[in-house]
Amino acid sequence: SYSKELVWVRKSDYYPLKIEFYGKKNVLLKVLLNEEIEEIQDIPTSKRMIMTTVETGAKTELILERLEYHIKLGDKVLTKEGLKKD
């Protein structure tokens, strides 16, 4: 868990552009950047997210190539068996 988070938001729709995560003694631990923000089905969505660990400089990047909202799932999908990985 983090002791505090600072969030930069876009004024037009309050979408988070940058989040700083702090640990004990207000030490900056990680920074999340939301980039390539597009409207997908009328929902602002970051298609590229980069999380950086400040101490090591290590980065994790998530790129969304395809995303759909409001998909109807069958009743069998949300069961223990349906959620198991192959």
PDB file of N, CA and C in Angstrom:
ATOM      1  N   SER A   1       0.847  -1.182   0.000  1.00  0.00           N
ATOM      2  CA  SER A   1       0.000   0.000   0.000  1.00  0.00           C
ATOM      3  C   SER A   1       0.890   1.243   0.000  1.00  0.00           C
ATOM      4  N   TYR A   2       0.313   2.332  -0.387  1.00  0.00           N
ATOM      5  CA  TYR A   2       1.049   3.595  -0.483  1.00  0.00           C
ATOM      6  C   TYR A   2       0.517   4.561   0.566  1.00  0.00           C
ATOM      7  N   SER A   3       1.398   5.429   1.044  1.00  0.00           N
ATOM      8  CA  SER A   3       0.974   6.397   2.058  1.00  0.00           C
ATOM      9  C   SER A   3       0.194   7.546   1.439  1.00  0.00           C
ATOM     10  N   LYS A   4       0.506   7.865   0.166  1.00  0.00           N
ATOM     11  CA  LYS A   4      -0.278   8.894  -0.520  1.00  0.00           C
ATOM     12  C   LYS A   4      -0.074   8.762  -2.015  1.00  0.00           C
ATOM     13  N   GLU A   5      -1.018   9.329  -2.758  1.00  0.00           N
ATOM     14  CA  GLU A   5      -0.947   9.361  -4.216  1.00  0.00           C
ATOM     15  C   GLU A   5      -1.276  10.775  -4.670  1.00  0.00           C
ATOM     16  N   LEU A   6      -0.503  11.278  -5.619  1.00  0.00           N
ATOM     17  CA  LEU A   6      -0.796  12.565  -6.242  1.00  0.00           C
ATOM     18  C   LEU A   6      -1.260  12.284  -7.660  1.00  0.00           C
ATOM     19  N   VAL A   7      -2.387  12.869  -8.041  1.00  0.00           N
ATOM     20  CA  VAL A   7      -2.979  12.582  -9.337  1.00  0.00           C
ATOM     21  C   VAL A   7      -3.125  13.869 -10.141  1.00  0.00           C
ATOM     22  N   TRP A   8      -2.629  13.836 -11.379  1.00  0.00           N
ATOM     23  CA  TRP A   8      -2.823  14.930 -12.325  1.00  0.00           C
ATOM     24  C   TRP A   8      -3.983  14.525 -13.214  1.00  0.00           C
ATOM     25  N   VAL A   9      -5.008  15.364 -13.312  1.00  0.00           N
ATOM     26  CA  VAL A   9      -6.178  15.021 -14.102  1.00  0.00           C
ATOM     27  C   VAL A   9      -6.400  16.048 -15.208  1.00  0.00           C
ATOM     28  N   ARG A  10      -6.974  15.569 -16.294  1.00  0.00           N
ATOM     29  CA  ARG A  10      -7.323  16.437 -17.411  1.00  0.00           C
ATOM     30  C   ARG A  10      -8.612  17.183 -17.046  1.00  0.00           C
ATOM     31  N   LYS A  11      -8.602  18.482 -17.216  1.00  0.00           N
ATOM     32  CA  LYS A  11      -9.757  19.294 -16.809  1.00  0.00           C
ATOM     33  C   LYS A  11     -11.031  18.946 -17.565  1.00  0.00           C
ATOM     34  N   SER A  12     -10.907  18.621 -18.822  1.00  0.00           N
ATOM     35  CA  SER A  12     -12.089  18.424 -19.656  1.00  0.00           C
ATOM     36  C   SER A  12     -12.968  17.257 -19.207  1.00  0.00           C
ATOM     37  N   ASP A  13     -12.361  16.191 -18.696  1.00  0.00           N
ATOM     38  CA  ASP A  13     -13.144  15.012 -18.318  1.00  0.00           C
ATOM     39  C   ASP A  13     -12.631  14.320 -17.048  1.00  0.00           C
ATOM     40  N   TYR A  14     -11.680  14.953 -16.381  1.00  0.00           N
ATOM     41  CA  TYR A  14     -11.114  14.434 -15.130  1.00  0.00           C
ATOM     42  C   TYR A  14     -10.391  13.104 -15.305  1.00  0.00           C
ATOM     43  N   TYR A  15      -9.907  12.859 -16.491  1.00  0.00           N
ATOM     44  CA  TYR A  15      -9.168  11.614 -16.736  1.00  0.00           C
ATOM     45  C   TYR A  15      -7.775  11.731 -16.120  1.00  0.00           C
ATOM     46  N   PRO A  16      -7.328  10.715 -15.372  1.00  0.00           N
ATOM     47  CA  PRO A  16      -5.995  10.784 -14.740  1.00  0.00           C
ATOM     48  C   PRO A  16      -4.879  10.645 -15.780  1.00  0.00           C
ATOM     49  N   LEU A  17      -4.011  11.636 -15.848  1.00  0.00           N
ATOM     50  CA  LEU A  17      -2.906  11.626 -16.803  1.00  0.00           C
ATOM     51  C   LEU A  17      -1.625  11.078 -16.185  1.00  0.00           C
ATOM     52  N   LYS A  18      -1.447  11.374 -14.903  1.00  0.00           N
ATOM     53  CA  LYS A  18      -0.230  10.958 -14.205  1.00  0.00           C
ATOM     54  C   LYS A  18      -0.579  10.720 -12.739  1.00  0.00           C
ATOM     55  N   ILE A  19      -0.006   9.647 -12.178  1.00  0.00           N
ATOM     56  CA  ILE A  19      -0.202   9.368 -10.758  1.00  0.00           C
ATOM     57  C   ILE A  19       1.163   9.070 -10.138  1.00  0.00           C
ATOM     58  N   GLU A  20       1.484   9.771  -9.060  1.00  0.00           N
ATOM     59  CA  GLU A  20       2.704   9.492  -8.296  1.00  0.00           C
ATOM     60  C   GLU A  20       2.309   8.737  -7.032  1.00  0.00           C
ATOM     61  N   PHE A  21       3.031   7.661  -6.744  1.00  0.00           N
ATOM     62  CA  PHE A  21       2.762   6.814  -5.583  1.00  0.00           C
ATOM     63  C   PHE A  21       3.887   6.981  -4.572  1.00  0.00           C
ATOM     64  N   TYR A  22       3.531   7.337  -3.334  1.00  0.00           N
ATOM     65  CA  TYR A  22       4.511   7.598  -2.293  1.00  0.00           C
ATOM     66  C   TYR A  22       4.431   6.546  -1.199  1.00  0.00           C
ATOM     67  N   GLY A  23       5.590   6.228  -0.632  1.00  0.00           N
ATOM     68  CA  GLY A  23       5.674   5.303   0.485  1.00  0.00           C
ATOM     69  C   GLY A  23       5.843   6.054   1.788  1.00  0.00           C
ATOM     70  N   LYS A  24       6.349   5.348   2.758  1.00  0.00           N
ATOM     71  CA  LYS A  24       6.593   5.954   4.072  1.00  0.00           C
ATOM     72  C   LYS A  24       7.574   7.113   3.932  1.00  0.00           C
ATOM     73  N   LYS A  25       7.440   8.083   4.791  1.00  0.00           N
ATOM     74  CA  LYS A  25       8.297   9.275   4.814  1.00  0.00           C
ATOM     75  C   LYS A  25       8.216  10.067   3.508  1.00  0.00           C
ATOM     76  N   ASN A  26       7.073   9.975   2.824  1.00  0.00           N
ATOM     77  CA  ASN A  26       6.829  10.716   1.580  1.00  0.00           C
ATOM     78  C   ASN A  26       7.886  10.485   0.509  1.00  0.00           C
ATOM     79  N   VAL A  27       8.380   9.259   0.411  1.00  0.00           N
ATOM     80  CA  VAL A  27       9.361   8.907  -0.614  1.00  0.00           C
ATOM     81  C   VAL A  27       8.603   8.475  -1.877  1.00  0.00           C
ATOM     82  N   LEU A  28       8.927   9.108  -3.001  1.00  0.00           N
ATOM     83  CA  LEU A  28       8.304   8.754  -4.269  1.00  0.00           C
ATOM     84  C   LEU A  28       8.778   7.375  -4.693  1.00  0.00           C
ATOM     85  N   LEU A  29       7.833   6.438  -4.883  1.00  0.00           N
ATOM     86  CA  LEU A  29       8.174   5.066  -5.234  1.00  0.00           C
ATOM     87  C   LEU A  29       7.936   4.762  -6.711  1.00  0.00           C
ATOM     88  N   LYS A  30       6.757   5.142  -7.217  1.00  0.00           N
ATOM     89  CA  LYS A  30       6.394   4.798  -8.593  1.00  0.00           C
ATOM     90  C   LYS A  30       5.652   5.952  -9.247  1.00  0.00           C
ATOM     91  N   VAL A  31       5.711   5.961 -10.587  1.00  0.00           N
ATOM     92  CA  VAL A  31       4.987   6.964 -11.366  1.00  0.00           C
ATOM     93  C   VAL A  31       4.259   6.244 -12.497  1.00  0.00           C
ATOM     94  N   LEU A  32       2.953   6.508 -12.628  1.00  0.00           N
ATOM     95  CA  LEU A  32       2.152   5.950 -13.706  1.00  0.00           C
ATOM     96  C   LEU A  32       1.798   7.061 -14.678  1.00  0.00           C
ATOM     97  N   LEU A  33       2.080   6.841 -15.965  1.00  0.00           N
ATOM     98  CA  LEU A  33       1.699   7.780 -17.015  1.00  0.00           C
ATOM     99  C   LEU A  33       0.658   7.123 -17.907  1.00  0.00           C
ATOM    100  N   ASN A  34      -0.434   7.826 -18.149  1.00  0.00           N
ATOM    101  CA  ASN A  34      -1.467   7.368 -19.080  1.00  0.00           C
ATOM    102  C   ASN A  34      -1.301   8.168 -20.363  1.00  0.00           C
ATOM    103  N   GLU A  35      -1.043   7.476 -21.456  1.00  0.00           N
ATOM    104  CA  GLU A  35      -0.796   8.130 -22.734  1.00  0.00           C
ATOM    105  C   GLU A  35      -1.718   7.569 -23.802  1.00  0.00           C
ATOM    106  N   GLU A  36      -1.722   8.216 -24.957  1.00  0.00           N
ATOM    107  CA  GLU A  36      -2.548   7.788 -26.093  1.00  0.00           C
ATOM    108  C   GLU A  36      -3.998   7.589 -25.659  1.00  0.00           C
ATOM    109  N   ILE A  37      -4.570   8.615 -25.076  1.00  0.00           N
ATOM    110  CA  ILE A  37      -5.932   8.553 -24.564  1.00  0.00           C
ATOM    111  C   ILE A  37      -6.898   8.782 -25.722  1.00  0.00           C
ATOM    112  N   GLU A  38      -7.806   7.833 -25.884  1.00  0.00           N
ATOM    113  CA  GLU A  38      -8.793   7.881 -26.955  1.00  0.00           C
ATOM    114  C   GLU A  38     -10.176   7.595 -26.390  1.00  0.00           C
ATOM    115  N   GLU A  39     -11.183   8.055 -27.093  1.00  0.00           N
ATOM    116  CA  GLU A  39     -12.566   7.717 -26.749  1.00  0.00           C
ATOM    117  C   GLU A  39     -12.884   6.361 -27.373  1.00  0.00           C
ATOM    118  N   ILE A  40     -13.198   5.396 -26.554  1.00  0.00           N
ATOM    119  CA  ILE A  40     -13.619   4.083 -27.026  1.00  0.00           C
ATOM    120  C   ILE A  40     -15.034   3.870 -26.502  1.00  0.00           C
ATOM    121  N   GLN A  41     -15.976   3.794 -27.408  1.00  0.00           N
ATOM    122  CA  GLN A  41     -17.387   3.675 -27.042  1.00  0.00           C
ATOM    123  C   GLN A  41     -17.789   4.789 -26.067  1.00  0.00           C
ATOM    124  N   ASP A  42     -17.337   6.001 -26.360  1.00  0.00           N
ATOM    125  CA  ASP A  42     -17.629   7.208 -25.563  1.00  0.00           C
ATOM    126  C   ASP A  42     -16.996   7.195 -24.172  1.00  0.00           C
ATOM    127  N   ILE A  43     -15.986   6.352 -23.952  1.00  0.00           N
ATOM    128  CA  ILE A  43     -15.304   6.279 -22.662  1.00  0.00           C
ATOM    129  C   ILE A  43     -13.836   6.631 -22.876  1.00  0.00           C
ATOM    130  N   PRO A  44     -13.329   7.687 -22.202  1.00  0.00           N
ATOM    131  CA  PRO A  44     -11.904   7.999 -22.335  1.00  0.00           C
ATOM    132  C   PRO A  44     -11.079   6.814 -21.842  1.00  0.00           C
ATOM    133  N   THR A  45     -10.118   6.398 -22.660  1.00  0.00           N
ATOM    134  CA  THR A  45      -9.348   5.195 -22.360  1.00  0.00           C
ATOM    135  C   THR A  45      -7.892   5.401 -22.737  1.00  0.00           C
ATOM    136  N   SER A  46      -6.994   5.080 -21.828  1.00  0.00           N
ATOM    137  CA  SER A  46      -5.566   5.144 -22.114  1.00  0.00           C
ATOM    138  C   SER A  46      -5.152   3.866 -22.835  1.00  0.00           C
ATOM    139  N   LYS A  47      -4.616   4.018 -24.032  1.00  0.00           N
ATOM    140  CA  LYS A  47      -4.178   2.848 -24.787  1.00  0.00           C
ATOM    141  C   LYS A  47      -2.722   2.506 -24.502  1.00  0.00           C
ATOM    142  N   ARG A  48      -2.029   3.377 -23.762  1.00  0.00           N
ATOM    143  CA  ARG A  48      -0.632   3.117 -23.389  1.00  0.00           C
ATOM    144  C   ARG A  48      -0.419   3.616 -21.963  1.00  0.00           C
ATOM    145  N   MET A  49      -0.044   2.697 -21.080  1.00  0.00           N
ATOM    146  CA  MET A  49       0.212   3.029 -19.683  1.00  0.00           C
ATOM    147  C   MET A  49       1.627   2.595 -19.321  1.00  0.00           C
ATOM    148  N   ILE A  50       2.352   3.471 -18.655  1.00  0.00           N
ATOM    149  CA  ILE A  50       3.739   3.173 -18.289  1.00  0.00           C
ATOM    150  C   ILE A  50       3.900   3.396 -16.786  1.00  0.00           C
ATOM    151  N   MET A  51       4.294   2.337 -16.082  1.00  0.00           N
ATOM    152  CA  MET A  51       4.567   2.432 -14.651  1.00  0.00           C
ATOM    153  C   MET A  51       6.078   2.354 -14.466  1.00  0.00           C
ATOM    154  N   THR A  52       6.635   3.352 -13.796  1.00  0.00           N
ATOM    155  CA  THR A  52       8.080   3.411 -13.565  1.00  0.00           C
ATOM    156  C   THR A  52       8.370   3.317 -12.079  1.00  0.00           C
ATOM    157  N   THR A  53       9.299   2.431 -11.720  1.00  0.00           N
ATOM    158  CA  THR A  53       9.792   2.356 -10.348  1.00  0.00           C
ATOM    159  C   THR A  53      10.947   3.345 -10.238  1.00  0.00           C
ATOM    160  N   VAL A  54      10.790   4.337  -9.399  1.00  0.00           N
ATOM    161  CA  VAL A  54      11.739   5.446  -9.336  1.00  0.00           C
ATOM    162  C   VAL A  54      13.136   4.983  -8.945  1.00  0.00           C
ATOM    163  N   GLU A  55      13.254   4.149  -7.937  1.00  0.00           N
ATOM    164  CA  GLU A  55      14.568   3.741  -7.415  1.00  0.00           C
ATOM    165  C   GLU A  55      15.424   3.021  -8.455  1.00  0.00           C
ATOM    166  N   THR A  56      14.810   2.138  -9.227  1.00  0.00           N
ATOM    167  CA  THR A  56      15.584   1.329 -10.169  1.00  0.00           C
ATOM    168  C   THR A  56      15.469   1.812 -11.610  1.00  0.00           C
ATOM    169  N   GLY A  57      14.434   2.596 -11.893  1.00  0.00           N
ATOM    170  CA  GLY A  57      14.188   3.017 -13.261  1.00  0.00           C
ATOM    171  C   GLY A  57      13.494   1.949 -14.096  1.00  0.00           C
ATOM    172  N   ALA A  58      13.142   0.833 -13.477  1.00  0.00           N
ATOM    173  CA  ALA A  58      12.446  -0.248 -14.192  1.00  0.00           C
ATOM    174  C   ALA A  58      11.074   0.237 -14.637  1.00  0.00           C
ATOM    175  N   LYS A  59      10.674  -0.190 -15.831  1.00  0.00           N
ATOM    176  CA  LYS A  59       9.388   0.234 -16.378  1.00  0.00           C
ATOM    177  C   LYS A  59       8.565  -0.969 -16.820  1.00  0.00           C
ATOM    178  N   THR A  60       7.274  -0.844 -16.623  1.00  0.00           N
ATOM    179  CA  THR A  60       6.321  -1.807 -17.155  1.00  0.00           C
ATOM    180  C   THR A  60       5.380  -1.022 -18.054  1.00  0.00           C
ATOM    181  N   GLU A  61       5.224  -1.508 -19.278  1.00  0.00           N
ATOM    182  CA  GLU A  61       4.380  -0.811 -20.242  1.00  0.00           C
ATOM    183  C   GLU A  61       3.232  -1.718 -20.658  1.00  0.00           C
ATOM    184  N   LEU A  62       2.031  -1.160 -20.627  1.00  0.00           N
ATOM    185  CA  LEU A  62       0.839  -1.886 -21.052  1.00  0.00           C
ATOM    186  C   LEU A  62       0.270  -1.160 -22.260  1.00  0.00           C
ATOM    187  N   ILE A  63       0.126  -1.879 -23.366  1.00  0.00           N
ATOM    188  CA  ILE A  63      -0.422  -1.307 -24.588  1.00  0.00           C
ATOM    189  C   ILE A  63      -1.698  -2.061 -24.941  1.00  0.00           C
ATOM    190  N   LEU A  64      -2.782  -1.328 -25.062  1.00  0.00           N
ATOM    191  CA  LEU A  64      -4.056  -1.924 -25.442  1.00  0.00           C
ATOM    192  C   LEU A  64      -4.204  -1.830 -26.954  1.00  0.00           C
ATOM    193  N   GLU A  65      -4.294  -2.957 -27.600  1.00  0.00           N
ATOM    194  CA  GLU A  65      -4.469  -2.966 -29.045  1.00  0.00           C
ATOM    195  C   GLU A  65      -5.933  -3.043 -29.428  1.00  0.00           C
ATOM    196  N   ARG A  66      -6.711  -3.708 -28.597  1.00  0.00           N
ATOM    197  CA  ARG A  66      -8.142  -3.863 -28.876  1.00  0.00           C
ATOM    198  C   ARG A  66      -8.885  -3.904 -27.553  1.00  0.00           C
ATOM    199  N   LEU A  67      -9.952  -3.145 -27.463  1.00  0.00           N
ATOM    200  CA  LEU A  67     -10.722  -3.091 -26.230  1.00  0.00           C
ATOM    201  C   LEU A  67     -12.177  -2.802 -26.573  1.00  0.00           C
ATOM    202  N   GLU A  68     -13.083  -3.504 -25.915  1.00  0.00           N
ATOM    203  CA  GLU A  68     -14.508  -3.267 -26.076  1.00  0.00           C
ATOM    204  C   GLU A  68     -15.137  -3.193 -24.695  1.00  0.00           C
ATOM    205  N   TYR A  69     -16.025  -2.234 -24.527  1.00  0.00           N
ATOM    206  CA  TYR A  69     -16.790  -2.111 -23.298  1.00  0.00           C
ATOM    207  C   TYR A  69     -18.193  -2.681 -23.523  1.00  0.00           C
ATOM    208  N   HIS A  70     -18.884  -2.930 -22.434  1.00  0.00           N
ATOM    209  CA  HIS A  70     -20.294  -3.334 -22.446  1.00  0.00           C
ATOM    210  C   HIS A  70     -20.522  -4.641 -23.202  1.00  0.00           C
ATOM    211  N   ILE A  71     -19.616  -5.575 -23.043  1.00  0.00           N
ATOM    212  CA  ILE A  71     -19.766  -6.878 -23.680  1.00  0.00           C
ATOM    213  C   ILE A  71     -20.628  -7.760 -22.777  1.00  0.00           C
ATOM    214  N   LYS A  72     -21.605  -8.396 -23.367  1.00  0.00           N
ATOM    215  CA  LYS A  72     -22.455  -9.299 -22.594  1.00  0.00           C
ATOM    216  C   LYS A  72     -21.744 -10.646 -22.455  1.00  0.00           C
ATOM    217  N   LEU A  73     -21.653 -11.088 -21.212  1.00  0.00           N
ATOM    218  CA  LEU A  73     -21.023 -12.371 -20.924  1.00  0.00           C
ATOM    219  C   LEU A  73     -22.099 -13.373 -20.529  1.00  0.00           C
ATOM    220  N   GLY A  74     -21.924 -14.584 -20.959  1.00  0.00           N
ATOM    221  CA  GLY A  74     -22.860 -15.631 -20.563  1.00  0.00           C
ATOM    222  C   GLY A  74     -22.713 -15.958 -19.092  1.00  0.00           C
ATOM    223  N   ASP A  75     -23.741 -16.537 -18.523  1.00  0.00           N
ATOM    224  CA  ASP A  75     -23.726 -16.890 -17.102  1.00  0.00           C
ATOM    225  C   ASP A  75     -22.598 -17.854 -16.746  1.00  0.00           C
ATOM    226  N   LYS A  76     -22.170 -18.676 -17.692  1.00  0.00           N
ATOM    227  CA  LYS A  76     -21.150 -19.680 -17.413  1.00  0.00           C
ATOM    228  C   LYS A  76     -19.749 -19.091 -17.331  1.00  0.00           C
ATOM    229  N   VAL A  77     -19.556 -17.890 -17.854  1.00  0.00           N
ATOM    230  CA  VAL A  77     -18.229 -17.275 -17.837  1.00  0.00           C
ATOM    231  C   VAL A  77     -17.815 -16.921 -16.413  1.00  0.00           C
ATOM    232  N   LEU A  78     -18.737 -16.428 -15.607  1.00  0.00           N
ATOM    233  CA  LEU A  78     -18.409 -15.986 -14.259  1.00  0.00           C
ATOM    234  C   LEU A  78     -18.657 -17.065 -13.217  1.00  0.00           C
ATOM    235  N   THR A  79     -18.215 -18.257 -13.504  1.00  0.00           N
ATOM    236  CA  THR A  79     -18.225 -19.355 -12.547  1.00  0.00           C
ATOM    237  C   THR A  79     -16.770 -19.744 -12.280  1.00  0.00           C
ATOM    238  N   LYS A  80     -16.557 -20.547 -11.258  1.00  0.00           N
ATOM    239  CA  LYS A  80     -15.182 -20.996 -10.989  1.00  0.00           C
ATOM    240  C   LYS A  80     -14.596 -21.718 -12.191  1.00  0.00           C
ATOM    241  N   GLU A  81     -15.391 -22.551 -12.808  1.00  0.00           N
ATOM    242  CA  GLU A  81     -14.905 -23.301 -13.975  1.00  0.00           C
ATOM    243  C   GLU A  81     -14.641 -22.369 -15.161  1.00  0.00           C
ATOM    244  N   GLY A  82     -15.532 -21.404 -15.338  1.00  0.00           N
ATOM    245  CA  GLY A  82     -15.382 -20.477 -16.453  1.00  0.00           C
ATOM    246  C   GLY A  82     -14.190 -19.555 -16.337  1.00  0.00           C
ATOM    247  N   LEU A  83     -13.762 -19.277 -15.104  1.00  0.00           N
ATOM    248  CA  LEU A  83     -12.646 -18.376 -14.864  1.00  0.00           C
ATOM    249  C   LEU A  83     -11.293 -19.069 -14.852  1.00  0.00           C
ATOM    250  N   LYS A  84     -11.284 -20.389 -14.854  1.00  0.00           N
ATOM    251  CA  LYS A  84     -10.027 -21.139 -14.846  1.00  0.00           C
ATOM    252  C   LYS A  84      -9.297 -20.937 -16.146  1.00  0.00           C
ATOM    253  N   LYS A  85      -7.967 -20.848 -16.033  1.00  0.00           N
ATOM    254  CA  LYS A  85      -7.132 -20.727 -17.234  1.00  0.00           C
ATOM    255  C   LYS A  85      -6.863 -22.095 -17.812  1.00  0.00           C
ATOM    256  N   ASP A  86      -6.750 -22.162 -19.109  1.00  0.00           N
ATOM    257  CA  ASP A  86      -6.413 -23.427 -19.782  1.00  0.00           C
ATOM    258  C   ASP A  86      -4.932 -23.724 -19.647  1.00  0.00           C
TER     259      ASP A  86
END
